Amino acid sequence: AGNMLYPVPAVMVSCAGRDGRKDIVTIAWTGTVCSDPVMV
C-alpha cells in the first residue's frame, strides 16, 4: 500500500502566527471536500 494517487495540485499554503510571522508551505495533499458549505 502507498500513496500513488497522482497527479495532484502543487499549491503553496500561506499562514501566519498571532505574532505576525508569515510562512509558506508547499502542499500536494489538498483537495475539495464539500461544495455546500465550500470546504477543502
All heavy atoms as atom14 arrays in JSON, in Angstrom:
{
  "sequence": "AGNMLYPVPAVMVSCAGRDGRKDIVTIAWTGTVCSDPVMV",
  "atom14_mask": [
    [1, 1, 1, 1, 1, 0, 0, 0, 0, 0, 0, 0, 0, 0],
    [1, 1, 1, 1, 0, 0, 0, 0, 0, 0, 0, 0, 0, 0],
    [1, 1, 1, 1, 1, 1, 1, 1, 0, 0, 0, 0, 0, 0],
    [1, 1, 1, 1, 1, 1, 1, 1, 0, 0, 0, 0, 0, 0],
    [1, 1, 1, 1, 1, 1, 1, 1, 0, 0, 0, 0, 0, 0],
    [1, 1, 1, 1, 1, 1, 1, 1, 1, 1, 1, 1, 0, 0],
    [1, 1, 1, 1, 1, 1, 1, 0, 0, 0, 0, 0, 0, 0],
    [1, 1, 1, 1, 1, 1, 1, 0, 0, 0, 0, 0, 0, 0],
    [1, 1, 1, 1, 1, 1, 1, 0, 0, 0, 0, 0, 0, 0],
    [1, 1, 1, 1, 1, 0, 0, 0, 0, 0, 0, 0, 0, 0],
    [1, 1, 1, 1, 1, 1, 1, 0, 0, 0, 0, 0, 0, 0],
    [1, 1, 1, 1, 1, 1, 1, 1, 0, 0, 0, 0, 0, 0],
    [1, 1, 1, 1, 1, 1, 1, 0, 0, 0, 0, 0, 0, 0],
    [1, 1, 1, 1, 1, 1, 0, 0, 0, 0, 0, 0, 0, 0],
    [1, 1, 1, 1, 1, 1, 0, 0, 0, 0, 0, 0, 0, 0],
    [1, 1, 1, 1, 1, 0, 0, 0, 0, 0, 0, 0, 0, 0],
    [1, 1, 1, 1, 0, 0, 0, 0, 0, 0, 0, 0, 0, 0],
    [1, 1, 1, 1, 1, 1, 1, 1, 1, 1, 1, 0, 0, 0],
    [1, 1, 1, 1, 1, 1, 1, 1, 0, 0, 0, 0, 0, 0],
    [1, 1, 1, 1, 0, 0, 0, 0, 0, 0, 0, 0, 0, 0],
    [1, 1, 1, 1, 1, 1, 1, 1, 1, 1, 1, 0, 0, 0],
    [1, 1, 1, 1, 1, 1, 1, 1, 1, 0, 0, 0, 0, 0],
    [1, 1, 1, 1, 1, 1, 1, 1, 0, 0, 0, 0, 0, 0],
    [1, 1, 1, 1, 1, 1, 1, 1, 0, 0, 0, 0, 0, 0],
    [1, 1, 1, 1, 1, 1, 1, 0, 0, 0, 0, 0, 0, 0],
    [1, 1, 1, 1, 1, 1, 1, 0, 0, 0, 0, 0, 0, 0],
    [1, 1, 1, 1, 1, 1, 1, 1, 0, 0, 0, 0, 0, 0],
    [1, 1, 1, 1, 1, 0, 0, 0, 0, 0, 0, 0, 0, 0],
    [1, 1, 1, 1, 1, 1, 1, 1, 1, 1, 1, 1, 1, 1],
    [1, 1, 1, 1, 1, 1, 1, 0, 0, 0, 0, 0, 0, 0],
    [1, 1, 1, 1, 0, 0, 0, 0, 0, 0, 0, 0, 0, 0],
    [1, 1, 1, 1, 1, 1, 1, 0, 0, 0, 0, 0, 0, 0],
    [1, 1, 1, 1, 1, 1, 1, 0, 0, 0, 0, 0, 0, 0],
    [1, 1, 1, 1, 1, 1, 0, 0, 0, 0, 0, 0, 0, 0],
    [1, 1, 1, 1, 1, 1, 0, 0, 0, 0, 0, 0, 0, 0],
    [1, 1, 1, 1, 1, 1, 1, 1, 0, 0, 0, 0, 0, 0],
    [1, 1, 1, 1, 1, 1, 1, 0, 0, 0, 0, 0, 0, 0],
    [1, 1, 1, 1, 1, 1, 1, 0, 0, 0, 0, 0, 0, 0],
    [1, 1, 1, 1, 1, 1, 1, 1, 0, 0, 0, 0, 0, 0],
    [1, 1, 1, 1, 1, 1, 1, 0, 0, 0, 0, 0, 0, 0]
  ],
  "atom14_positions": [
    [[0.83, -1.2, 0.0], [0.0, 0.0, 0.0], [0.87, 1.25, 0.0], [1.91, 1.3, 0.66], [-0.91, 0.0, 1.23], [0.0, 0.0, 0.0], [0.0, 0.0, 0.0], [0.0, 0.0, 0.0], [0.0, 0.0, 0.0], [0.0, 0.0, 0.0], [0.0, 0.0, 0.0], [0.0, 0.0, 0.0], [0.0, 0.0, 0.0], [0.0, 0.0, 0.0]],
    [[0.46, 2.26, -0.74], [1.2, 3.51, -0.82], [0.35, 4.61, -1.41], [-0.68, 4.34, -2.02], [0.0, 0.0, 0.0], [0.0, 0.0, 0.0], [0.0, 0.0, 0.0], [0.0, 0.0, 0.0], [0.0, 0.0, 0.0], [0.0, 0.0, 0.0], [0.0, 0.0, 0.0], [0.0, 0.0, 0.0], [0.0, 0.0, 0.0], [0.0, 0.0, 0.0]],
    [[0.79, 5.84, -1.25], [0.07, 6.99, -1.81], [0.5, 7.22, -3.24], [1.47, 7.89, -3.51], [0.34, 8.24, -0.96], [-0.28, 8.13, 0.4], [-1.41, 7.68, 0.52], [0.45, 8.52, 1.43], [0.0, 0.0, 0.0], [0.0, 0.0, 0.0], [0.0, 0.0, 0.0], [0.0, 0.0, 0.0], [0.0, 0.0, 0.0], [0.0, 0.0, 0.0]],
    [[-0.22, 6.63, -4.16], [0.09, 6.74, -5.58], [-1.05, 7.41, -6.34], [-1.23, 7.16, -7.53], [0.37, 5.35, -6.16], [1.62, 4.68, -5.61], [3.15, 5.47, -6.16], [3.13, 5.07, -7.89], [0.0, 0.0, 0.0], [0.0, 0.0, 0.0], [0.0, 0.0, 0.0], [0.0, 0.0, 0.0], [0.0, 0.0, 0.0], [0.0, 0.0, 0.0]],
    [[-1.81, 8.24, -5.68], [-2.9, 8.94, -6.33], [-2.34, 10.22, -6.95], [-2.16, 11.24, -6.28], [-4.0, 9.28, -5.31], [-5.23, 10.01, -5.85], [-5.93, 9.15, -6.9], [-6.17, 10.35, -4.72], [0.0, 0.0, 0.0], [0.0, 0.0, 0.0], [0.0, 0.0, 0.0], [0.0, 0.0, 0.0], [0.0, 0.0, 0.0], [0.0, 0.0, 0.0]],
    [[-2.01, 10.15, -8.22], [-1.4, 11.26, -8.94], [-2.13, 11.5, -10.23], [-2.74, 10.58, -10.77], [0.07, 10.94, -9.27], [0.99, 10.88, -8.08], [1.61, 9.69, -7.72], [1.23, 11.99, -7.3], [2.46, 9.62, -6.63], [2.08, 11.94, -6.2], [2.69, 10.75, -5.87], [3.51, 10.7, -4.79], [0.0, 0.0, 0.0], [0.0, 0.0, 0.0]],
    [[-2.06, 12.69, -10.83], [-1.41, 13.9, -10.33], [-2.27, 14.58, -9.27], [-3.47, 14.33, -9.16], [-1.28, 14.77, -11.57], [-2.45, 14.39, -12.41], [-2.66, 12.92, -12.14], [0.0, 0.0, 0.0], [0.0, 0.0, 0.0], [0.0, 0.0, 0.0], [0.0, 0.0, 0.0], [0.0, 0.0, 0.0], [0.0, 0.0, 0.0], [0.0, 0.0, 0.0]],
    [[-1.63, 15.47, -8.53], [-2.3, 16.28, -7.51], [-1.87, 17.73, -7.69], [-0.83, 18.0, -8.29], [-1.95, 15.79, -6.09], [-2.57, 14.44, -5.8], [-0.46, 15.74, -5.86], [0.0, 0.0, 0.0], [0.0, 0.0, 0.0], [0.0, 0.0, 0.0], [0.0, 0.0, 0.0], [0.0, 0.0, 0.0], [0.0, 0.0, 0.0], [0.0, 0.0, 0.0]],
    [[-2.66, 18.68, -7.2], [-2.24, 20.07, -7.31], [-0.98, 20.32, -6.48], [-0.83, 19.75, -5.4], [-3.42, 20.87, -6.75], [-4.43, 19.89, -6.3], [-3.94, 18.52, -6.53], [0.0, 0.0, 0.0], [0.0, 0.0, 0.0], [0.0, 0.0, 0.0], [0.0, 0.0, 0.0], [0.0, 0.0, 0.0], [0.0, 0.0, 0.0], [0.0, 0.0, 0.0]],
    [[-0.11, 21.14, -6.97], [1.04, 21.62, -6.19], [0.69, 23.04, -5.78], [0.65, 23.93, -6.62], [2.31, 21.6, -7.03], [0.0, 0.0, 0.0], [0.0, 0.0, 0.0], [0.0, 0.0, 0.0], [0.0, 0.0, 0.0], [0.0, 0.0, 0.0], [0.0, 0.0, 0.0], [0.0, 0.0, 0.0], [0.0, 0.0, 0.0], [0.0, 0.0, 0.0]],
    [[0.4, 23.23, -4.49], [-0.04, 24.54, -4.03], [0.91, 25.08, -2.97], [1.63, 24.31, -2.32], [-1.48, 24.5, -3.46], [-2.47, 24.01, -4.52], [-1.57, 23.66, -2.2], [0.0, 0.0, 0.0], [0.0, 0.0, 0.0], [0.0, 0.0, 0.0], [0.0, 0.0, 0.0], [0.0, 0.0, 0.0], [0.0, 0.0, 0.0], [0.0, 0.0, 0.0]],
    [[0.91, 26.37, -2.81], [1.64, 27.0, -1.71], [0.59, 27.46, -0.71], [-0.32, 28.23, -1.06], [2.49, 28.16, -2.2], [3.67, 27.71, -3.04], [4.88, 29.02, -3.38], [3.98, 30.03, -4.56], [0.0, 0.0, 0.0], [0.0, 0.0, 0.0], [0.0, 0.0, 0.0], [0.0, 0.0, 0.0], [0.0, 0.0, 0.0], [0.0, 0.0, 0.0]],
    [[0.71, 26.97, 0.52], [-0.2, 27.36, 1.58], [0.5, 28.42, 2.43], [1.58, 28.19, 2.96], [-0.6, 26.14, 2.43], [-1.41, 26.57, 3.65], [-1.41, 25.16, 1.58], [0.0, 0.0, 0.0], [0.0, 0.0, 0.0], [0.0, 0.0, 0.0], [0.0, 0.0, 0.0], [0.0, 0.0, 0.0], [0.0, 0.0, 0.0], [0.0, 0.0, 0.0]],
    [[-0.13, 29.58, 2.51], [0.43, 30.66, 3.33], [-0.33, 30.73, 4.64], [-1.52, 30.45, 4.72], [0.38, 31.99, 2.57], [-0.9, 32.23, 2.03], [0.0, 0.0, 0.0], [0.0, 0.0, 0.0], [0.0, 0.0, 0.0], [0.0, 0.0, 0.0], [0.0, 0.0, 0.0], [0.0, 0.0, 0.0], [0.0, 0.0, 0.0], [0.0, 0.0, 0.0]],
    [[0.42, 31.09, 5.68], [-0.15, 31.16, 7.02], [0.67, 32.15, 7.83], [1.71, 32.64, 7.37], [-0.15, 29.78, 7.68], [1.45, 28.96, 7.68], [0.0, 0.0, 0.0], [0.0, 0.0, 0.0], [0.0, 0.0, 0.0], [0.0, 0.0, 0.0], [0.0, 0.0, 0.0], [0.0, 0.0, 0.0], [0.0, 0.0, 0.0], [0.0, 0.0, 0.0]],
    [[0.22, 32.43, 9.03], [0.97, 33.33, 9.92], [0.54, 33.06, 11.35], [-0.58, 32.62, 11.61], [0.72, 34.79, 9.57], [0.0, 0.0, 0.0], [0.0, 0.0, 0.0], [0.0, 0.0, 0.0], [0.0, 0.0, 0.0], [0.0, 0.0, 0.0], [0.0, 0.0, 0.0], [0.0, 0.0, 0.0], [0.0, 0.0, 0.0], [0.0, 0.0, 0.0]],
    [[1.45, 33.34, 12.27], [1.14, 33.23, 13.69], [0.5, 34.5, 14.2], [0.45, 35.51, 13.5], [0.0, 0.0, 0.0], [0.0, 0.0, 0.0], [0.0, 0.0, 0.0], [0.0, 0.0, 0.0], [0.0, 0.0, 0.0], [0.0, 0.0, 0.0], [0.0, 0.0, 0.0], [0.0, 0.0, 0.0], [0.0, 0.0, 0.0], [0.0, 0.0, 0.0]],
    [[0.04, 34.45, 15.41], [-0.57, 35.64, 16.02], [0.44, 36.78, 16.15], [0.07, 37.95, 16.19], [-1.15, 35.3, 17.39], [-2.32, 34.36, 17.32], [-3.0, 34.2, 18.68], [-3.89, 33.06, 18.71], [-5.08, 33.0, 18.13], [-5.52, 34.02, 17.45], [-5.81, 31.91, 18.22], [0.0, 0.0, 0.0], [0.0, 0.0, 0.0], [0.0, 0.0, 0.0]],
    [[1.74, 36.43, 16.17], [2.79, 37.44, 16.28], [3.11, 38.08, 14.92], [3.96, 38.95, 14.83], [4.06, 36.85, 16.88], [4.68, 35.76, 16.01], [4.14, 35.44, 14.92], [5.72, 35.21, 16.42], [0.0, 0.0, 0.0], [0.0, 0.0, 0.0], [0.0, 0.0, 0.0], [0.0, 0.0, 0.0], [0.0, 0.0, 0.0], [0.0, 0.0, 0.0]],
    [[2.44, 37.63, 13.86], [2.64, 38.21, 12.53], [3.69, 37.51, 11.68], [3.85, 37.84, 10.51], [0.0, 0.0, 0.0], [0.0, 0.0, 0.0], [0.0, 0.0, 0.0], [0.0, 0.0, 0.0], [0.0, 0.0, 0.0], [0.0, 0.0, 0.0], [0.0, 0.0, 0.0], [0.0, 0.0, 0.0], [0.0, 0.0, 0.0], [0.0, 0.0, 0.0]],
    [[4.42, 36.54, 12.24], [5.43, 35.83, 11.45], [4.75, 34.97, 10.4], [3.96, 34.08, 10.71], [6.31, 34.98, 12.36], [7.3, 34.15, 11.59], [8.7, 34.4, 12.0], [9.6, 33.7, 11.1], [10.65, 33.01, 11.49], [10.95, 32.95, 12.77], [11.42, 32.42, 10.61], [0.0, 0.0, 0.0], [0.0, 0.0, 0.0], [0.0, 0.0, 0.0]],
    [[5.06, 35.23, 9.13], [4.43, 34.56, 8.0], [5.27, 33.37, 7.55], [6.47, 33.34, 7.73], [4.28, 35.54, 6.83], [3.42, 36.74, 7.12], [3.32, 37.69, 5.95], [4.58, 38.43, 5.62], [5.05, 39.37, 6.59], [0.0, 0.0, 0.0], [0.0, 0.0, 0.0], [0.0, 0.0, 0.0], [0.0, 0.0, 0.0], [0.0, 0.0, 0.0]],
    [[4.59, 32.41, 6.92], [5.28, 31.25, 6.36], [4.52, 30.76, 5.14], [3.35, 31.08, 4.94], [5.4, 30.12, 7.4], [6.37, 29.03, 6.95], [7.36, 29.35, 6.26], [6.13, 27.86, 7.28], [0.0, 0.0, 0.0], [0.0, 0.0, 0.0], [0.0, 0.0, 0.0], [0.0, 0.0, 0.0], [0.0, 0.0, 0.0], [0.0, 0.0, 0.0]],
    [[5.23, 29.98, 4.33], [4.65, 29.31, 3.17], [5.09, 27.86, 3.23], [6.27, 27.59, 3.43], [5.15, 29.92, 1.84], [4.82, 31.4, 1.75], [4.56, 29.16, 0.65], [5.54, 32.13, 0.62], [0.0, 0.0, 0.0], [0.0, 0.0, 0.0], [0.0, 0.0, 0.0], [0.0, 0.0, 0.0], [0.0, 0.0, 0.0], [0.0, 0.0, 0.0]],
    [[4.16, 26.95, 3.06], [4.49, 25.53, 2.97], [3.91, 25.0, 1.67], [2.8, 25.35, 1.28], [3.97, 24.74, 4.2], [2.46, 24.81, 4.32], [4.43, 23.29, 4.16], [0.0, 0.0, 0.0], [0.0, 0.0, 0.0], [0.0, 0.0, 0.0], [0.0, 0.0, 0.0], [0.0, 0.0, 0.0], [0.0, 0.0, 0.0], [0.0, 0.0, 0.0]],
    [[4.69, 24.19, 0.98], [4.2, 23.56, -0.25], [3.45, 22.3, 0.13], [3.93, 21.49, 0.9], [5.37, 23.24, -1.19], [6.04, 24.46, -1.51], [4.89, 22.58, -2.47], [0.0, 0.0, 0.0], [0.0, 0.0, 0.0], [0.0, 0.0, 0.0], [0.0, 0.0, 0.0], [0.0, 0.0, 0.0], [0.0, 0.0, 0.0], [0.0, 0.0, 0.0]],
    [[2.27, 22.16, -0.44], [1.38, 21.04, -0.13], [0.94, 20.4, -1.44], [0.51, 21.09, -2.36], [0.14, 21.52, 0.66], [0.53, 22.17, 1.98], [-0.86, 20.39, 0.84], [0.94, 21.23, 3.07], [0.0, 0.0, 0.0], [0.0, 0.0, 0.0], [0.0, 0.0, 0.0], [0.0, 0.0, 0.0], [0.0, 0.0, 0.0], [0.0, 0.0, 0.0]],
    [[1.03, 19.08, -1.51], [0.46, 18.35, -2.64], [-0.78, 17.57, -2.19], [-1.58, 17.18, -3.01], [1.49, 17.41, -3.25], [0.0, 0.0, 0.0], [0.0, 0.0, 0.0], [0.0, 0.0, 0.0], [0.0, 0.0, 0.0], [0.0, 0.0, 0.0], [0.0, 0.0, 0.0], [0.0, 0.0, 0.0], [0.0, 0.0, 0.0], [0.0, 0.0, 0.0]],
    [[-0.92, 17.38, -0.9], [-2.08, 16.65, -0.38], [-3.14, 17.64, 0.05], [-3.25, 18.04, 1.2], [-1.65, 15.74, 0.77], [-0.74, 14.65, 0.32], [-0.34, 14.37, -0.96], [-0.08, 13.7, 1.13], [0.52, 13.31, -0.98], [0.7, 12.87, 0.29], [-0.06, 13.46, 2.5], [1.47, 11.83, 0.76], [0.71, 12.42, 2.98], [1.45, 11.61, 2.12]],
    [[-3.92, 18.07, -0.93], [-5.0, 19.02, -0.73], [-6.15, 18.64, -1.65], [-5.94, 18.01, -2.68], [-4.52, 20.46, -1.0], [-5.59, 21.37, -0.72], [-4.08, 20.65, -2.43], [0.0, 0.0, 0.0], [0.0, 0.0, 0.0], [0.0, 0.0, 0.0], [0.0, 0.0, 0.0], [0.0, 0.0, 0.0], [0.0, 0.0, 0.0], [0.0, 0.0, 0.0]],
    [[-7.33, 19.04, -1.29], [-8.45, 18.73, -2.17], [-9.76, 19.3, -1.71], [-9.9, 19.82, -0.6], [0.0, 0.0, 0.0], [0.0, 0.0, 0.0], [0.0, 0.0, 0.0], [0.0, 0.0, 0.0], [0.0, 0.0, 0.0], [0.0, 0.0, 0.0], [0.0, 0.0, 0.0], [0.0, 0.0, 0.0], [0.0, 0.0, 0.0], [0.0, 0.0, 0.0]],
    [[-10.74, 19.18, -2.59], [-12.1, 19.6, -2.33], [-12.77, 18.57, -1.42], [-12.6, 17.37, -1.61], [-12.87, 19.7, -3.66], [-12.23, 20.67, -4.47], [-14.31, 20.08, -3.45], [0.0, 0.0, 0.0], [0.0, 0.0, 0.0], [0.0, 0.0, 0.0], [0.0, 0.0, 0.0], [0.0, 0.0, 0.0], [0.0, 0.0, 0.0], [0.0, 0.0, 0.0]],
    [[-13.53, 19.05, -0.46], [-14.23, 18.17, 0.46], [-15.74, 18.27, 0.27], [-16.44, 17.27, 0.28], [-13.85, 18.5, 1.92], [-14.67, 17.71, 2.91], [-12.37, 18.25, 2.15], [0.0, 0.0, 0.0], [0.0, 0.0, 0.0], [0.0, 0.0, 0.0], [0.0, 0.0, 0.0], [0.0, 0.0, 0.0], [0.0, 0.0, 0.0], [0.0, 0.0, 0.0]],
    [[-16.23, 19.5, 0.07], [-17.67, 19.73, 0.04], [-17.95, 21.01, -0.75], [-17.12, 21.9, -0.77], [-18.15, 19.87, 1.5], [-19.91, 19.94, 1.74], [0.0, 0.0, 0.0], [0.0, 0.0, 0.0], [0.0, 0.0, 0.0], [0.0, 0.0, 0.0], [0.0, 0.0, 0.0], [0.0, 0.0, 0.0], [0.0, 0.0, 0.0], [0.0, 0.0, 0.0]],
    [[-19.12, 21.07, -1.38], [-19.45, 22.29, -2.12], [-20.46, 23.17, -1.39], [-20.61, 24.33, -1.72], [-19.97, 21.95, -3.52], [-21.1, 21.11, -3.43], [0.0, 0.0, 0.0], [0.0, 0.0, 0.0], [0.0, 0.0, 0.0], [0.0, 0.0, 0.0], [0.0, 0.0, 0.0], [0.0, 0.0, 0.0], [0.0, 0.0, 0.0], [0.0, 0.0, 0.0]],
    [[-21.17, 22.64, -0.39], [-22.13, 23.44, 0.37], [-22.17, 22.94, 1.8], [-22.84, 21.94, 2.06], [-23.51, 23.38, -0.26], [-24.48, 24.35, 0.4], [-24.04, 25.27, 1.1], [-25.7, 24.15, 0.22], [0.0, 0.0, 0.0], [0.0, 0.0, 0.0], [0.0, 0.0, 0.0], [0.0, 0.0, 0.0], [0.0, 0.0, 0.0], [0.0, 0.0, 0.0]],
    [[-21.45, 23.55, 2.75], [-20.6, 24.73, 2.57], [-19.33, 24.37, 1.8], [-18.93, 23.21, 1.77], [-20.27, 25.15, 4.0], [-20.32, 23.87, 4.78], [-21.4, 23.04, 4.13], [0.0, 0.0, 0.0], [0.0, 0.0, 0.0], [0.0, 0.0, 0.0], [0.0, 0.0, 0.0], [0.0, 0.0, 0.0], [0.0, 0.0, 0.0], [0.0, 0.0, 0.0]],
    [[-18.71, 25.38, 1.23], [-17.5, 25.16, 0.45], [-16.37, 24.82, 1.43], [-16.0, 25.64, 2.28], [-17.13, 26.41, -0.38], [-15.87, 26.15, -1.19], [-18.28, 26.79, -1.29], [0.0, 0.0, 0.0], [0.0, 0.0, 0.0], [0.0, 0.0, 0.0], [0.0, 0.0, 0.0], [0.0, 0.0, 0.0], [0.0, 0.0, 0.0], [0.0, 0.0, 0.0]],
    [[-15.85, 23.58, 1.29], [-14.81, 23.13, 2.21], [-13.7, 22.43, 1.44], [-13.93, 21.82, 0.39], [-15.39, 22.2, 3.27], [-16.35, 22.91, 4.2], [-16.88, 21.88, 5.58], [-15.37, 21.83, 6.54], [0.0, 0.0, 0.0], [0.0, 0.0, 0.0], [0.0, 0.0, 0.0], [0.0, 0.0, 0.0], [0.0, 0.0, 0.0], [0.0, 0.0, 0.0]],
    [[-12.48, 22.55, 1.97], [-11.28, 21.93, 1.41], [-10.5, 21.28, 2.54], [-10.82, 21.47, 3.72], [-10.39, 22.96, 0.68], [-11.09, 23.52, -0.56], [-9.97, 24.08, 1.63], [0.0, 0.0, 0.0], [0.0, 0.0, 0.0], [0.0, 0.0, 0.0], [0.0, 0.0, 0.0], [0.0, 0.0, 0.0], [0.0, 0.0, 0.0], [0.0, 0.0, 0.0]]
  ]
}
